[in-house]
Each structure stands twice: as structure tokens, then as C-alpha cells.
Amino acid sequence: MRKIDTLKKNYEFKNVLDRGKFYRGKYITVYCTKNKKQKNVIGIAIGKKIGKATKRNRLKRLIRESYRLQKKELEQGYNLVFLWNKNQVKDRKCQEVQADMRQVFQKAGIIK
């Protein structure tokens, strides 16, 4: 199984958050910028106000899995940072997050 390319450094996140356009969904917000690579690179940021580590890690897994299921349909060459909306703290199912992510990608215009 291939690993998803991720943003790791703080300056990479700041670059996307400062220069990127953002698109808000019901559960997630996505910041997008173009990169010079032929693949998408993602980053996931969930604040401590959302909950303890187990809840934050579960939300990261949900976002990662929802992205993995849709990445074949996306245009390549973007840096994407996913943020979880603070007011949607309840446990969500993968299908709900995936549907919300699809709507956000359609708003952003990066679905093929």
C-alpha cells in the first residue's frame, strides 16, 4: 500500500495557510495552493480545543481515509491542509466526512 504524501514542517503548513484559498464545508475546511509536483501533498491540523488525543487522532484517521478514497478523482499538483471545524465535535462517520470532503473539493474545482 502506497503512503500518502504529507506536509511535515511548520513552514509548509504556514505557507499553505497564508497563501492558499480556503473552502469551508460542514465538518472540514480545506486550504489549497498549487505546488510544482505532479502529486497532491496533504496536511491535517486539529486543535487541542476539539478534544483529547484519542479524539483528535480518530478525526485525523477519518480525514485521511476519506481523502484516500477520493484521491483518484482529484487533479494533481496541490498542497491541501485540512482543518476540523470546532463546532462539529460529535463523533462522525466516515461516509459523512467523505460526502463533506467531496462537496468542498467541488467548490474548490479540483475534481476531474
PDB file of N, CA and C in Angstrom:
ATOM      1  N   MET A   1       0.838  -1.177   0.000  1.00  0.00           N
ATOM      2  CA  MET A   1       0.000   0.000   0.000  1.00  0.00           C
ATOM      3  C   MET A   1       0.885   1.241   0.000  1.00  0.00           C
ATOM      4  N   ARG A   2       0.594   2.177  -0.914  1.00  0.00           N
ATOM      5  CA  ARG A   2       1.389   3.393  -1.005  1.00  0.00           C
ATOM      6  C   ARG A   2       0.987   4.365   0.083  1.00  0.00           C
ATOM      7  N   LYS A   3       1.956   5.070   0.587  1.00  0.00           N
ATOM      8  CA  LYS A   3       1.717   6.044   1.630  1.00  0.00           C
ATOM      9  C   LYS A   3       1.299   7.372   1.003  1.00  0.00           C
ATOM     10  N   ILE A   4       0.454   8.115   1.683  1.00  0.00           N
ATOM     11  CA  ILE A   4       0.023   9.431   1.224  1.00  0.00           C
ATOM     12  C   ILE A   4       1.122  10.433   1.566  1.00  0.00           C
ATOM     13  N   ASP A   5       1.472  11.297   0.618  1.00  0.00           N
ATOM     14  CA  ASP A   5       2.482  12.319   0.859  1.00  0.00           C
ATOM     15  C   ASP A   5       1.885  13.400   1.754  1.00  0.00           C
ATOM     16  N   THR A   6       2.628  13.762   2.810  1.00  0.00           N
ATOM     17  CA  THR A   6       2.101  14.720   3.776  1.00  0.00           C
ATOM     18  C   THR A   6       3.062  15.883   3.990  1.00  0.00           C
ATOM     19  N   LEU A   7       2.487  17.016   4.390  1.00  0.00           N
ATOM     20  CA  LEU A   7       3.272  18.159   4.826  1.00  0.00           C
ATOM     21  C   LEU A   7       3.769  17.855   6.231  1.00  0.00           C
ATOM     22  N   LYS A   8       5.033  18.130   6.492  1.00  0.00           N
ATOM     23  CA  LYS A   8       5.590  17.781   7.792  1.00  0.00           C
ATOM     24  C   LYS A   8       6.088  18.997   8.573  1.00  0.00           C
ATOM     25  N   LYS A   9       6.632  19.965   7.892  1.00  0.00           N
ATOM     26  CA  LYS A   9       7.278  21.093   8.560  1.00  0.00           C
ATOM     27  C   LYS A   9       6.277  22.228   8.825  1.00  0.00           C
ATOM     28  N   ASN A  10       6.542  22.966   9.877  1.00  0.00           N
ATOM     29  CA  ASN A  10       5.678  24.074  10.260  1.00  0.00           C
ATOM     30  C   ASN A  10       5.607  25.134   9.163  1.00  0.00           C
ATOM     31  N   TYR A  11       6.738  25.435   8.505  1.00  0.00           N
ATOM     32  CA  TYR A  11       6.735  26.456   7.462  1.00  0.00           C
ATOM     33  C   TYR A  11       5.911  26.021   6.251  1.00  0.00           C
ATOM     34  N   GLU A  12       5.813  24.715   6.004  1.00  0.00           N
ATOM     35  CA  GLU A  12       4.976  24.231   4.901  1.00  0.00           C
ATOM     36  C   GLU A  12       3.497  24.485   5.195  1.00  0.00           C
ATOM     37  N   PHE A  13       3.079  24.201   6.425  1.00  0.00           N
ATOM     38  CA  PHE A  13       1.702  24.484   6.824  1.00  0.00           C
ATOM     39  C   PHE A  13       1.418  25.982   6.747  1.00  0.00           C
ATOM     40  N   LYS A  14       2.327  26.797   7.291  1.00  0.00           N
ATOM     41  CA  LYS A  14       2.126  28.252   7.291  1.00  0.00           C
ATOM     42  C   LYS A  14       2.029  28.798   5.878  1.00  0.00           C
ATOM     43  N   ASN A  15       2.834  28.274   4.972  1.00  0.00           N
ATOM     44  CA  ASN A  15       2.811  28.718   3.587  1.00  0.00           C
ATOM     45  C   ASN A  15       1.440  28.473   2.962  1.00  0.00           C
ATOM     46  N   VAL A  16       0.878  27.301   3.180  1.00  0.00           N
ATOM     47  CA  VAL A  16      -0.433  26.969   2.613  1.00  0.00           C
ATOM     48  C   VAL A  16      -1.526  27.798   3.288  1.00  0.00           C
ATOM     49  N   LEU A  17      -1.463  27.938   4.607  1.00  0.00           N
ATOM     50  CA  LEU A  17      -2.496  28.675   5.320  1.00  0.00           C
ATOM     51  C   LEU A  17      -2.461  30.172   5.006  1.00  0.00           C
ATOM     52  N   ASP A  18      -1.274  30.723   4.773  1.00  0.00           N
ATOM     53  CA  ASP A  18      -1.160  32.160   4.470  1.00  0.00           C
ATOM     54  C   ASP A  18      -1.512  32.478   3.021  1.00  0.00           C
ATOM     55  N   ARG A  19      -1.064  31.662   2.093  1.00  0.00           N
ATOM     56  CA  ARG A  19      -1.206  31.980   0.669  1.00  0.00           C
ATOM     57  C   ARG A  19      -2.354  31.260  -0.019  1.00  0.00           C
ATOM     58  N   GLY A  20      -2.911  30.239   0.623  1.00  0.00           N
ATOM     59  CA  GLY A  20      -3.910  29.413  -0.042  1.00  0.00           C
ATOM     60  C   GLY A  20      -5.322  29.961   0.071  1.00  0.00           C
ATOM     61  N   LYS A  21      -6.154  29.528  -0.854  1.00  0.00           N
ATOM     62  CA  LYS A  21      -7.578  29.817  -0.782  1.00  0.00           C
ATOM     63  C   LYS A  21      -8.215  28.763   0.103  1.00  0.00           C
ATOM     64  N   PHE A  22      -9.269  29.158   0.820  1.00  0.00           N
ATOM     65  CA  PHE A  22      -9.912  28.180   1.689  1.00  0.00           C
ATOM     66  C   PHE A  22     -11.356  27.955   1.267  1.00  0.00           C
ATOM     67  N   TYR A  23     -11.807  26.744   1.499  1.00  0.00           N
ATOM     68  CA  TYR A  23     -13.158  26.316   1.171  1.00  0.00           C
ATOM     69  C   TYR A  23     -13.711  25.596   2.391  1.00  0.00           C
ATOM     70  N   ARG A  24     -14.860  26.058   2.858  1.00  0.00           N
ATOM     71  CA  ARG A  24     -15.426  25.546   4.100  1.00  0.00           C
ATOM     72  C   ARG A  24     -16.583  24.606   3.820  1.00  0.00           C
ATOM     73  N   GLY A  25     -16.563  23.472   4.500  1.00  0.00           N
ATOM     74  CA  GLY A  25     -17.659  22.522   4.469  1.00  0.00           C
ATOM     75  C   GLY A  25     -18.329  22.479   5.825  1.00  0.00           C
ATOM     76  N   LYS A  26     -19.201  21.517   6.008  1.00  0.00           N
ATOM     77  CA  LYS A  26     -19.909  21.389   7.278  1.00  0.00           C
ATOM     78  C   LYS A  26     -18.966  20.946   8.392  1.00  0.00           C
ATOM     79  N   TYR A  27     -18.066  20.026   8.103  1.00  0.00           N
ATOM     80  CA  TYR A  27     -17.160  19.480   9.113  1.00  0.00           C
ATOM     81  C   TYR A  27     -15.720  19.919   8.940  1.00  0.00           C
ATOM     82  N   ILE A  28     -15.277  20.111   7.703  1.00  0.00           N
ATOM     83  CA  ILE A  28     -13.866  20.426   7.467  1.00  0.00           C
ATOM     84  C   ILE A  28     -13.716  21.715   6.669  1.00  0.00           C
ATOM     85  N   THR A  29     -12.539  22.311   6.802  1.00  0.00           N
ATOM     86  CA  THR A  29     -12.124  23.444   5.982  1.00  0.00           C
ATOM     87  C   THR A  29     -10.844  23.019   5.273  1.00  0.00           C
ATOM     88  N   VAL A  30     -10.751  23.318   3.982  1.00  0.00           N
ATOM     89  CA  VAL A  30      -9.581  22.919   3.199  1.00  0.00           C
ATOM     90  C   VAL A  30      -8.916  24.164   2.631  1.00  0.00           C
ATOM     91  N   TYR A  31      -7.612  24.293   2.858  1.00  0.00           N
ATOM     92  CA  TYR A  31      -6.799  25.344   2.249  1.00  0.00           C
ATOM     93  C   TYR A  31      -6.028  24.712   1.104  1.00  0.00           C
ATOM     94  N   CYS A  32      -6.026  25.363  -0.070  1.00  0.00           N
ATOM     95  CA  CYS A  32      -5.394  24.809  -1.273  1.00  0.00           C
ATOM     96  C   CYS A  32      -4.401  25.798  -1.867  1.00  0.00           C
ATOM     97  N   THR A  33      -3.260  25.308  -2.254  1.00  0.00           N
ATOM     98  CA  THR A  33      -2.317  26.059  -3.082  1.00  0.00           C
ATOM     99  C   THR A  33      -1.742  25.099  -4.114  1.00  0.00           C
ATOM    100  N   LYS A  34      -1.294  25.647  -5.219  1.00  0.00           N
ATOM    101  CA  LYS A  34      -0.623  24.847  -6.247  1.00  0.00           C
ATOM    102  C   LYS A  34       0.795  24.547  -5.790  1.00  0.00           C
ATOM    103  N   ASN A  35       1.288  23.368  -6.163  1.00  0.00           N
ATOM    104  CA  ASN A  35       2.697  23.062  -5.957  1.00  0.00           C
ATOM    105  C   ASN A  35       3.308  22.696  -7.303  1.00  0.00           C
ATOM    106  N   LYS A  36       4.603  22.519  -7.343  1.00  0.00           N
ATOM    107  CA  LYS A  36       5.288  22.245  -8.610  1.00  0.00           C
ATOM    108  C   LYS A  36       5.523  20.757  -8.812  1.00  0.00           C
ATOM    109  N   LYS A  37       4.850  19.933  -8.022  1.00  0.00           N
ATOM    110  CA  LYS A  37       4.985  18.494  -8.138  1.00  0.00           C
ATOM    111  C   LYS A  37       3.826  17.940  -8.948  1.00  0.00           C
ATOM    112  N   GLN A  38       3.918  16.705  -9.321  1.00  0.00           N
ATOM    113  CA  GLN A  38       2.855  16.045 -10.072  1.00  0.00           C
ATOM    114  C   GLN A  38       1.962  15.209  -9.157  1.00  0.00           C
ATOM    115  N   LYS A  39       1.914  15.586  -7.874  1.00  0.00           N
ATOM    116  CA  LYS A  39       1.077  14.857  -6.925  1.00  0.00           C
ATOM    117  C   LYS A  39       0.571  15.809  -5.856  1.00  0.00           C
ATOM    118  N   ASN A  40      -0.480  15.389  -5.177  1.00  0.00           N
ATOM    119  CA  ASN A  40      -1.040  16.171  -4.086  1.00  0.00           C
ATOM    120  C   ASN A  40      -0.311  15.845  -2.795  1.00  0.00           C
ATOM    121  N   VAL A  41      -0.124  16.865  -1.977  1.00  0.00           N
ATOM    122  CA  VAL A  41       0.502  16.706  -0.676  1.00  0.00           C
ATOM    123  C   VAL A  41      -0.484  17.249   0.353  1.00  0.00           C
ATOM    124  N   ILE A  42      -0.781  16.467   1.392  1.00  0.00           N
ATOM    125  CA  ILE A  42      -1.793  16.900   2.352  1.00  0.00           C
ATOM    126  C   ILE A  42      -1.189  17.116   3.732  1.00  0.00           C
ATOM    127  N   GLY A  43      -1.882  17.939   4.504  1.00  0.00           N
ATOM    128  CA  GLY A  43      -1.561  18.158   5.908  1.00  0.00           C
ATOM    129  C   GLY A  43      -2.867  18.217   6.679  1.00  0.00           C
ATOM    130  N   ILE A  44      -2.857  17.723   7.900  1.00  0.00           N
ATOM    131  CA  ILE A  44      -4.052  17.713   8.731  1.00  0.00           C
ATOM    132  C   ILE A  44      -3.713  18.402  10.042  1.00  0.00           C
ATOM    133  N   ALA A  45      -4.504  19.418  10.407  1.00  0.00           N
ATOM    134  CA  ALA A  45      -4.291  20.144  11.650  1.00  0.00           C
ATOM    135  C   ALA A  45      -5.599  20.165  12.434  1.00  0.00           C
ATOM    136  N   ILE A  46      -5.555  19.636  13.648  1.00  0.00           N
ATOM    137  CA  ILE A  46      -6.729  19.624  14.518  1.00  0.00           C
ATOM    138  C   ILE A  46      -6.291  20.177  15.862  1.00  0.00           C
ATOM    139  N   GLY A  47      -6.951  21.249  16.305  1.00  0.00           N
ATOM    140  CA  GLY A  47      -6.560  21.931  17.532  1.00  0.00           C
ATOM    141  C   GLY A  47      -6.912  21.166  18.795  1.00  0.00           C
ATOM    142  N   LYS A  48      -6.254  21.531  19.892  1.00  0.00           N
ATOM    143  CA  LYS A  48      -6.466  20.859  21.169  1.00  0.00           C
ATOM    144  C   LYS A  48      -7.838  21.147  21.758  1.00  0.00           C
ATOM    145  N   LYS A  49      -8.498  22.214  21.322  1.00  0.00           N
ATOM    146  CA  LYS A  49      -9.829  22.535  21.847  1.00  0.00           C
ATOM    147  C   LYS A  49     -10.879  21.530  21.382  1.00  0.00           C
ATOM    148  N   ILE A  50     -10.573  20.769  20.361  1.00  0.00           N
ATOM    149  CA  ILE A  50     -11.505  19.767  19.851  1.00  0.00           C
ATOM    150  C   ILE A  50     -11.687  18.636  20.851  1.00  0.00           C
ATOM    151  N   GLY A  51     -10.616  18.232  21.514  1.00  0.00           N
ATOM    152  CA  GLY A  51     -10.718  17.140  22.477  1.00  0.00           C
ATOM    153  C   GLY A  51      -9.352  16.584  22.808  1.00  0.00           C
ATOM    154  N   LYS A  52      -9.370  15.488  23.517  1.00  0.00           N
ATOM    155  CA  LYS A  52      -8.127  14.842  23.905  1.00  0.00           C
ATOM    156  C   LYS A  52      -7.506  14.124  22.706  1.00  0.00           C
ATOM    157  N   ALA A  53      -6.335  13.556  22.911  1.00  0.00           N
ATOM    158  CA  ALA A  53      -5.545  12.991  21.816  1.00  0.00           C
ATOM    159  C   ALA A  53      -6.273  11.880  21.072  1.00  0.00           C
ATOM    160  N   THR A  54      -7.017  11.036  21.783  1.00  0.00           N
ATOM    161  CA  THR A  54      -7.700   9.937  21.102  1.00  0.00           C
ATOM    162  C   THR A  54      -8.748  10.450  20.131  1.00  0.00           C
ATOM    163  N   LYS A  55      -9.479  11.489  20.513  1.00  0.00           N
ATOM    164  CA  LYS A  55     -10.498  12.064  19.633  1.00  0.00           C
ATOM    165  C   LYS A  55      -9.840  12.751  18.427  1.00  0.00           C
ATOM    166  N   ARG A  56      -8.755  13.494  18.678  1.00  0.00           N
ATOM    167  CA  ARG A  56      -8.059  14.169  17.576  1.00  0.00           C
ATOM    168  C   ARG A  56      -7.474  13.159  16.599  1.00  0.00           C
ATOM    169  N   ASN A  57      -6.888  12.070  17.106  1.00  0.00           N
ATOM    170  CA  ASN A  57      -6.316  11.045  16.231  1.00  0.00           C
ATOM    171  C   ASN A  57      -7.390  10.341  15.419  1.00  0.00           C
ATOM    172  N   ARG A  58      -8.555  10.097  16.011  1.00  0.00           N
ATOM    173  CA  ARG A  58      -9.657   9.483  15.276  1.00  0.00           C
ATOM    174  C   ARG A  58     -10.103  10.390  14.128  1.00  0.00           C
ATOM    175  N   LEU A  59     -10.206  11.693  14.396  1.00  0.00           N
ATOM    176  CA  LEU A  59     -10.604  12.626  13.345  1.00  0.00           C
ATOM    177  C   LEU A  59      -9.562  12.670  12.227  1.00  0.00           C
ATOM    178  N   LYS A  60      -8.296  12.598  12.589  1.00  0.00           N
ATOM    179  CA  LYS A  60      -7.235  12.562  11.565  1.00  0.00           C
ATOM    180  C   LYS A  60      -7.364  11.315  10.701  1.00  0.00           C
ATOM    181  N   ARG A  61      -7.643  10.165  11.336  1.00  0.00           N
ATOM    182  CA  ARG A  61      -7.818   8.928  10.571  1.00  0.00           C
ATOM    183  C   ARG A  61      -9.013   9.024   9.645  1.00  0.00           C
ATOM    184  N   LEU A  62     -10.113   9.636  10.118  1.00  0.00           N
ATOM    185  CA  LEU A  62     -11.292   9.815   9.266  1.00  0.00           C
ATOM    186  C   LEU A  62     -10.968  10.676   8.047  1.00  0.00           C
ATOM    187  N   ILE A  63     -10.267  11.771   8.270  1.00  0.00           N
ATOM    188  CA  ILE A  63      -9.908  12.665   7.163  1.00  0.00           C
ATOM    189  C   ILE A  63      -8.977  11.957   6.191  1.00  0.00           C
ATOM    190  N   ARG A  64      -7.968  11.254   6.712  1.00  0.00           N
ATOM    191  CA  ARG A  64      -7.008  10.549   5.865  1.00  0.00           C
ATOM    192  C   ARG A  64      -7.693   9.483   5.007  1.00  0.00           C
ATOM    193  N   GLU A  65      -8.605   8.729   5.619  1.00  0.00           N
ATOM    194  CA  GLU A  65      -9.303   7.666   4.886  1.00  0.00           C
ATOM    195  C   GLU A  65     -10.246   8.257   3.841  1.00  0.00           C
ATOM    196  N   SER A  66     -10.954   9.325   4.193  1.00  0.00           N
ATOM    197  CA  SER A  66     -11.857   9.965   3.232  1.00  0.00           C
ATOM    198  C   SER A  66     -11.081  10.508   2.036  1.00  0.00           C
ATOM    199  N   TYR A  67      -9.903  11.084   2.310  1.00  0.00           N
ATOM    200  CA  TYR A  67      -9.067  11.571   1.217  1.00  0.00           C
ATOM    201  C   TYR A  67      -8.579  10.414   0.345  1.00  0.00           C
ATOM    202  N   ARG A  68      -8.148   9.324   0.989  1.00  0.00           N
ATOM    203  CA  ARG A  68      -7.621   8.174   0.248  1.00  0.00           C
ATOM    204  C   ARG A  68      -8.662   7.614  -0.714  1.00  0.00           C
ATOM    205  N   LEU A  69      -9.910   7.581  -0.293  1.00  0.00           N
ATOM    206  CA  LEU A  69     -10.967   7.035  -1.139  1.00  0.00           C
ATOM    207  C   LEU A  69     -11.286   7.935  -2.338  1.00  0.00           C
ATOM    208  N   GLN A  70     -10.935   9.227  -2.242  1.00  0.00           N
ATOM    209  CA  GLN A  70     -11.278  10.163  -3.307  1.00  0.00           C
ATOM    210  C   GLN A  70     -10.086  10.666  -4.110  1.00  0.00           C
ATOM    211  N   LYS A  71      -8.880  10.290  -3.736  1.00  0.00           N
ATOM    212  CA  LYS A  71      -7.717  10.915  -4.370  1.00  0.00           C
ATOM    213  C   LYS A  71      -7.559  10.584  -5.851  1.00  0.00           C
ATOM    214  N   LYS A  72      -8.124   9.476  -6.314  1.00  0.00           N
ATOM    215  CA  LYS A  72      -8.030   9.151  -7.739  1.00  0.00           C
ATOM    216  C   LYS A  72      -8.860  10.088  -8.601  1.00  0.00           C
ATOM    217  N   GLU A  73      -9.887  10.700  -8.015  1.00  0.00           N
ATOM    218  CA  GLU A  73     -10.774  11.597  -8.748  1.00  0.00           C
ATOM    219  C   GLU A  73     -10.271  13.031  -8.766  1.00  0.00           C
ATOM    220  N   LEU A  74      -9.198  13.338  -8.044  1.00  0.00           N
ATOM    221  CA  LEU A  74      -8.729  14.714  -7.904  1.00  0.00           C
ATOM    222  C   LEU A  74      -7.650  15.045  -8.915  1.00  0.00           C
ATOM    223  N   GLU A  75      -7.602  16.320  -9.285  1.00  0.00           N
ATOM    224  CA  GLU A  75      -6.489  16.809 -10.091  1.00  0.00           C
ATOM    225  C   GLU A  75      -5.242  16.800  -9.221  1.00  0.00           C
ATOM    226  N   GLN A  76      -4.091  16.642  -9.838  1.00  0.00           N
ATOM    227  CA  GLN A  76      -2.829  16.554  -9.109  1.00  0.00           C
ATOM    228  C   GLN A  76      -2.103  17.893  -9.135  1.00  0.00           C
ATOM    229  N   GLY A  77      -1.205  18.088  -8.167  1.00  0.00           N
ATOM    230  CA  GLY A  77      -0.383  19.291  -8.124  1.00  0.00           C
ATOM    231  C   GLY A  77      -0.848  20.310  -7.109  1.00  0.00           C
ATOM    232  N   TYR A  78      -1.429  19.867  -6.000  1.00  0.00           N
ATOM    233  CA  TYR A  78      -1.928  20.782  -4.972  1.00  0.00           C
ATOM    234  C   TYR A  78      -1.362  20.422  -3.612  1.00  0.00           C
ATOM    235  N   ASN A  79      -1.168  21.459  -2.786  1.00  0.00           N
ATOM    236  CA  ASN A  79      -0.943  21.279  -1.359  1.00  0.00           C
ATOM    237  C   ASN A  79      -2.291  21.506  -0.693  1.00  0.00           C
ATOM    238  N   LEU A  80      -2.720  20.577   0.134  1.00  0.00           N
ATOM    239  CA  LEU A  80      -4.017  20.655   0.795  1.00  0.00           C
ATOM    240  C   LEU A  80      -3.818  20.551   2.301  1.00  0.00           C
ATOM    241  N   VAL A  81      -4.403  21.493   3.048  1.00  0.00           N
ATOM    242  CA  VAL A  81      -4.388  21.424   4.505  1.00  0.00           C
ATOM    243  C   VAL A  81      -5.831  21.321   4.969  1.00  0.00           C
ATOM    244  N   PHE A  82      -6.120  20.285   5.748  1.00  0.00           N
ATOM    245  CA  PHE A  82      -7.462  20.047   6.274  1.00  0.00           C
ATOM    246  C   PHE A  82      -7.524  20.499   7.726  1.00  0.00           C
ATOM    247  N   LEU A  83      -8.540  21.294   8.048  1.00  0.00           N
ATOM    248  CA  LEU A  83      -8.803  21.718   9.418  1.00  0.00           C
ATOM    249  C   LEU A  83     -10.191  21.233   9.802  1.00  0.00           C
ATOM    250  N   TRP A  84     -10.355  20.796  11.051  1.00  0.00           N
ATOM    251  CA  TRP A  84     -11.667  20.357  11.526  1.00  0.00           C
ATOM    252  C   TRP A  84     -12.377  21.553  12.133  1.00  0.00           C
ATOM    253  N   ASN A  85     -13.650  21.768  11.762  1.00  0.00           N
ATOM    254  CA  ASN A  85     -14.428  22.874  12.301  1.00  0.00           C
ATOM    255  C   ASN A  85     -14.735  22.632  13.777  1.00  0.00           C
ATOM    256  N   LYS A  86     -14.528  23.642  14.597  1.00  0.00           N
ATOM    257  CA  LYS A  86     -14.638  23.497  16.046  1.00  0.00           C
ATOM    258  C   LYS A  86     -16.051  23.156  16.513  1.00  0.00           C
ATOM    259  N   ASN A  87     -17.054  23.640  15.807  1.00  0.00           N
ATOM    260  CA  ASN A  87     -18.426  23.442  16.282  1.00  0.00           C
ATOM    261  C   ASN A  87     -18.971  22.049  15.964  1.00  0.00           C
ATOM    262  N   GLN A  88     -18.235  21.208  15.265  1.00  0.00           N
ATOM    263  CA  GLN A  88     -18.684  19.860  14.884  1.00  0.00           C
ATOM    264  C   GLN A  88     -17.841  18.810  15.592  1.00  0.00           C
ATOM    265  N   VAL A  89     -17.973  18.751  16.923  1.00  0.00           N
ATOM    266  CA  VAL A  89     -17.106  17.882  17.711  1.00  0.00           C
ATOM    267  C   VAL A  89     -17.660  16.473  17.853  1.00  0.00           C
ATOM    268  N   LYS A  90     -18.956  16.258  17.666  1.00  0.00           N
ATOM    269  CA  LYS A  90     -19.539  14.927  17.841  1.00  0.00           C
ATOM    270  C   LYS A  90     -18.841  13.903  16.953  1.00  0.00           C
ATOM    271  N   ASP A  91     -18.964  12.644  17.355  1.00  0.00           N
ATOM    272  CA  ASP A  91     -18.399  11.571  16.541  1.00  0.00           C
ATOM    273  C   ASP A  91     -19.102  11.526  15.189  1.00  0.00           C
ATOM    274  N   ARG A  92     -18.346  11.467  14.142  1.00  0.00           N
ATOM    275  CA  ARG A  92     -18.871  11.426  12.778  1.00  0.00           C
ATOM    276  C   ARG A  92     -18.459  10.130  12.125  1.00  0.00           C
ATOM    277  N   LYS A  93     -19.268   9.712  11.179  1.00  0.00           N
ATOM    278  CA  LYS A  93     -18.956   8.506  10.419  1.00  0.00           C
ATOM    279  C   LYS A  93     -18.128   8.885   9.199  1.00  0.00           C
ATOM    280  N   CYS A  94     -17.433   7.902   8.680  1.00  0.00           N
ATOM    281  CA  CYS A  94     -16.554   8.129   7.535  1.00  0.00           C
ATOM    282  C   CYS A  94     -17.342   8.608   6.320  1.00  0.00           C
ATOM    283  N   GLN A  95     -18.550   8.083   6.121  1.00  0.00           N
ATOM    284  CA  GLN A  95     -19.367   8.477   4.971  1.00  0.00           C
ATOM    285  C   GLN A  95     -19.756   9.949   5.047  1.00  0.00           C
ATOM    286  N   GLU A  96     -20.034  10.457   6.256  1.00  0.00           N
ATOM    287  CA  GLU A  96     -20.393  11.867   6.413  1.00  0.00           C
ATOM    288  C   GLU A  96     -19.206  12.762   6.080  1.00  0.00           C
ATOM    289  N   VAL A  97     -18.042  12.393   6.576  1.00  0.00           N
ATOM    290  CA  VAL A  97     -16.840  13.181   6.311  1.00  0.00           C
ATOM    291  C   VAL A  97     -16.483  13.112   4.830  1.00  0.00           C
ATOM    292  N   GLN A  98     -16.640  11.950   4.228  1.00  0.00           N
ATOM    293  CA  GLN A  98     -16.327  11.786   2.812  1.00  0.00           C
ATOM    294  C   GLN A  98     -17.260  12.625   1.943  1.00  0.00           C
ATOM    295  N   ALA A  99     -18.546  12.652   2.259  1.00  0.00           N
ATOM    296  CA  ALA A  99     -19.507  13.458   1.495  1.00  0.00           C
ATOM    297  C   ALA A  99     -19.193  14.942   1.641  1.00  0.00           C
ATOM    298  N   ASP A 100     -18.835  15.363   2.851  1.00  0.00           N
ATOM    299  CA  ASP A 100     -18.495  16.763   3.074  1.00  0.00           C
ATOM    300  C   ASP A 100     -17.221  17.137   2.317  1.00  0.00           C
ATOM    301  N   MET A 101     -16.243  16.233   2.325  1.00  0.00           N
ATOM    302  CA  MET A 101     -14.991  16.485   1.622  1.00  0.00           C
ATOM    303  C   MET A 101     -15.239  16.591   0.113  1.00  0.00           C
ATOM    304  N   ARG A 102     -16.103  15.755  -0.403  1.00  0.00           N
ATOM    305  CA  ARG A 102     -16.431  15.802  -1.832  1.00  0.00           C
ATOM    306  C   ARG A 102     -17.047  17.155  -2.206  1.00  0.00           C
ATOM    307  N   GLN A 103     -17.949  17.673  -1.365  1.00  0.00           N
ATOM    308  CA  GLN A 103     -18.564  18.981  -1.618  1.00  0.00           C
ATOM    309  C   GLN A 103     -17.515  20.083  -1.594  1.00  0.00           C
ATOM    310  N   VAL A 104     -16.588  20.004  -0.659  1.00  0.00           N
ATOM    311  CA  VAL A 104     -15.536  21.019  -0.574  1.00  0.00           C
ATOM    312  C   VAL A 104     -14.639  20.961  -1.806  1.00  0.00           C
ATOM    313  N   PHE A 105     -14.295  19.751  -2.256  1.00  0.00           N
ATOM    314  CA  PHE A 105     -13.470  19.620  -3.456  1.00  0.00           C
ATOM    315  C   PHE A 105     -14.202  20.156  -4.684  1.00  0.00           C
ATOM    316  N   GLN A 106     -15.511  19.969  -4.746  1.00  0.00           N
ATOM    317  CA  GLN A 106     -16.276  20.521  -5.869  1.00  0.00           C
ATOM    318  C   GLN A 106     -16.276  22.046  -5.832  1.00  0.00           C
ATOM    319  N   LYS A 107     -16.405  22.622  -4.646  1.00  0.00           N
ATOM    320  CA  LYS A 107     -16.327  24.087  -4.501  1.00  0.00           C
ATOM    321  C   LYS A 107     -14.973  24.584  -4.976  1.00  0.00           C
ATOM    322  N   ALA A 108     -13.922  23.848  -4.608  1.00  0.00           N
ATOM    323  CA  ALA A 108     -12.564  24.248  -4.971  1.00  0.00           C
ATOM    324  C   ALA A 108     -12.273  24.014  -6.445  1.00  0.00           C
ATOM    325  N   GLY A 109     -13.048  23.152  -7.102  1.00  0.00           N
ATOM    326  CA  GLY A 109     -12.843  22.886  -8.515  1.00  0.00           C
ATOM    327  C   GLY A 109     -11.652  21.984  -8.803  1.00  0.00           C
ATOM    328  N   ILE A 110     -11.338  21.086  -7.886  1.00  0.00           N
ATOM    329  CA  ILE A 110     -10.182  20.213  -8.128  1.00  0.00           C
ATOM    330  C   ILE A 110     -10.592  18.765  -8.395  1.00  0.00           C
ATOM    331  N   ILE A 111     -11.879  18.518  -8.584  1.00  0.00           N
ATOM    332  CA  ILE A 111     -12.318  17.183  -9.004  1.00  0.00           C
ATOM    333  C   ILE A 111     -12.271  17.150 -10.520  1.00  0.00           C
ATOM    334  N   LYS A 112     -11.742  16.062 -11.070  1.00  0.00           N
ATOM    335  CA  LYS A 112     -11.626  15.928 -12.537  1.00  0.00           C
ATOM    336  C   LYS A 112     -12.984  15.923 -13.180  1.00  0.00           C
TER     337      LYS A 112
END
